[in-house]
Amino acid sequence: MMEDFDKKSAEWDTPQRMKLAAILYGKISEVVPLNRSMSVLEYGCGTGLLGLQMADRVGCIDFVDTSEGM
């Protein structure tokens, strides 16, 4: 299964997924007061579409995915 995601990773960031990540980031930032004292772990991050949007608002963010391609 991980091999499937490795192959798909090059074409993963479609406009639809990018829009969904932006919406999700907006919802998270409405309820979580992100700040530079925070450390974030995004587990199952895929290509990082969500976490990259908050990277400049938190102190540290680590991205973890079981798929090397992602």
C-alpha atoms as a PDB file:
ATOM      1  CA  MET A   1       0.000   0.000   0.000  1.00  0.00           C
ATOM      2  CA  MET A   2       2.823   2.444   0.803  1.00  0.00           C
ATOM      3  CA  GLU A   3       4.193   1.889  -2.685  1.00  0.00           C
ATOM      4  CA  ASP A   4       0.898   3.171  -4.086  1.00  0.00           C
ATOM      5  CA  PHE A   5       1.308   6.434  -2.180  1.00  0.00           C
ATOM      6  CA  ASP A   6       4.959   6.680  -3.224  1.00  0.00           C
ATOM      7  CA  LYS A   7       3.829   6.576  -6.858  1.00  0.00           C
ATOM      8  CA  LYS A   8       0.935   8.983  -6.325  1.00  0.00           C
ATOM      9  CA  SER A   9       2.955  11.568  -4.408  1.00  0.00           C
ATOM     10  CA  ALA A  10       4.258  13.341  -7.532  1.00  0.00           C
ATOM     11  CA  GLU A  11       0.694  14.198  -8.586  1.00  0.00           C
ATOM     12  CA  TRP A  12      -0.904  14.451  -5.132  1.00  0.00           C
ATOM     13  CA  ASP A  13      -1.098  18.243  -4.772  1.00  0.00           C
ATOM     14  CA  THR A  14      -4.108  18.860  -6.982  1.00  0.00           C
ATOM     15  CA  PRO A  15      -5.981  22.183  -6.820  1.00  0.00           C
ATOM     16  CA  GLN A  16      -8.826  20.383  -5.022  1.00  0.00           C
ATOM     17  CA  ARG A  17      -6.517  18.986  -2.313  1.00  0.00           C
ATOM     18  CA  MET A  18      -4.776  22.338  -1.941  1.00  0.00           C
ATOM     19  CA  LYS A  19      -8.145  24.057  -1.456  1.00  0.00           C
ATOM     20  CA  LEU A  20      -9.224  21.442   1.089  1.00  0.00           C
ATOM     21  CA  ALA A  21      -5.966  21.881   3.040  1.00  0.00           C
ATOM     22  CA  ALA A  22      -6.497  25.658   3.074  1.00  0.00           C
ATOM     23  CA  ILE A  23     -10.043  25.216   4.392  1.00  0.00           C
ATOM     24  CA  LEU A  24      -8.866  22.789   7.065  1.00  0.00           C
ATOM     25  CA  TYR A  25      -6.036  25.127   8.078  1.00  0.00           C
ATOM     26  CA  GLY A  26      -8.574  27.950   8.404  1.00  0.00           C
ATOM     27  CA  LYS A  27     -10.786  25.846  10.671  1.00  0.00           C
ATOM     28  CA  ILE A  28      -7.849  24.748  12.823  1.00  0.00           C
ATOM     29  CA  SER A  29      -6.591  28.317  13.225  1.00  0.00           C
ATOM     30  CA  GLU A  30     -10.089  29.393  14.329  1.00  0.00           C
ATOM     31  CA  VAL A  31     -10.001  27.083  17.357  1.00  0.00           C
ATOM     32  CA  VAL A  32      -6.281  26.686  18.063  1.00  0.00           C
ATOM     33  CA  PRO A  33      -4.358  29.864  18.888  1.00  0.00           C
ATOM     34  CA  LEU A  34      -1.209  29.007  16.937  1.00  0.00           C
ATOM     35  CA  ASN A  35       1.928  30.702  18.236  1.00  0.00           C
ATOM     36  CA  ARG A  36       5.720  30.483  18.122  1.00  0.00           C
ATOM     37  CA  SER A  37       5.923  28.627  21.450  1.00  0.00           C
ATOM     38  CA  MET A  38       4.167  25.587  19.920  1.00  0.00           C
ATOM     39  CA  SER A  39       5.682  22.429  18.566  1.00  0.00           C
ATOM     40  CA  VAL A  40       3.494  20.564  16.088  1.00  0.00           C
ATOM     41  CA  LEU A  41       3.595  16.993  14.826  1.00  0.00           C
ATOM     42  CA  GLU A  42       1.723  16.262  11.631  1.00  0.00           C
ATOM     43  CA  TYR A  43       1.400  12.486  11.456  1.00  0.00           C
ATOM     44  CA  GLY A  44       0.313  11.087   8.102  1.00  0.00           C
ATOM     45  CA  CYS A  45       1.287  14.387   6.530  1.00  0.00           C
ATOM     46  CA  GLY A  46       1.396  13.251   2.921  1.00  0.00           C
ATOM     47  CA  THR A  47       3.066  16.049   0.975  1.00  0.00           C
ATOM     48  CA  GLY A  48       2.630  18.496   3.847  1.00  0.00           C
ATOM     49  CA  LEU A  49      -0.140  20.612   2.354  1.00  0.00           C
ATOM     50  CA  LEU A  50      -1.677  21.327   5.742  1.00  0.00           C
ATOM     51  CA  GLY A  51       1.391  21.690   7.934  1.00  0.00           C
ATOM     52  CA  LEU A  52       3.292  23.919   5.553  1.00  0.00           C
ATOM     53  CA  GLN A  53       0.535  26.506   5.920  1.00  0.00           C
ATOM     54  CA  MET A  54       1.105  26.758   9.660  1.00  0.00           C
ATOM     55  CA  ALA A  55       4.896  26.437   9.633  1.00  0.00           C
ATOM     56  CA  ASP A  56       5.498  30.178   9.916  1.00  0.00           C
ATOM     57  CA  ARG A  57       3.045  30.524  12.820  1.00  0.00           C
ATOM     58  CA  VAL A  58       4.506  27.840  15.122  1.00  0.00           C
ATOM     59  CA  GLY A  59       7.950  27.353  16.612  1.00  0.00           C
ATOM     60  CA  CYS A  60       8.606  23.898  15.221  1.00  0.00           C
ATOM     61  CA  ILE A  61       6.748  21.436  13.035  1.00  0.00           C
ATOM     62  CA  ASP A  62       7.719  17.845  12.300  1.00  0.00           C
ATOM     63  CA  PHE A  63       6.212  15.952   9.385  1.00  0.00           C
ATOM     64  CA  VAL A  64       5.842  12.160   9.547  1.00  0.00           C
ATOM     65  CA  ASP A  65       4.453   9.793   6.936  1.00  0.00           C
ATOM     66  CA  THR A  66       4.975   6.091   6.353  1.00  0.00           C
ATOM     67  CA  SER A  67       5.311   6.702   2.628  1.00  0.00           C
ATOM     68  CA  GLU A  68       8.767   7.939   1.652  1.00  0.00           C
ATOM     69  CA  GLY A  69       7.353   9.596  -1.460  1.00  0.00           C
ATOM     70  CA  MET A  70       4.881  11.560   0.555  1.00  0.00           C
END
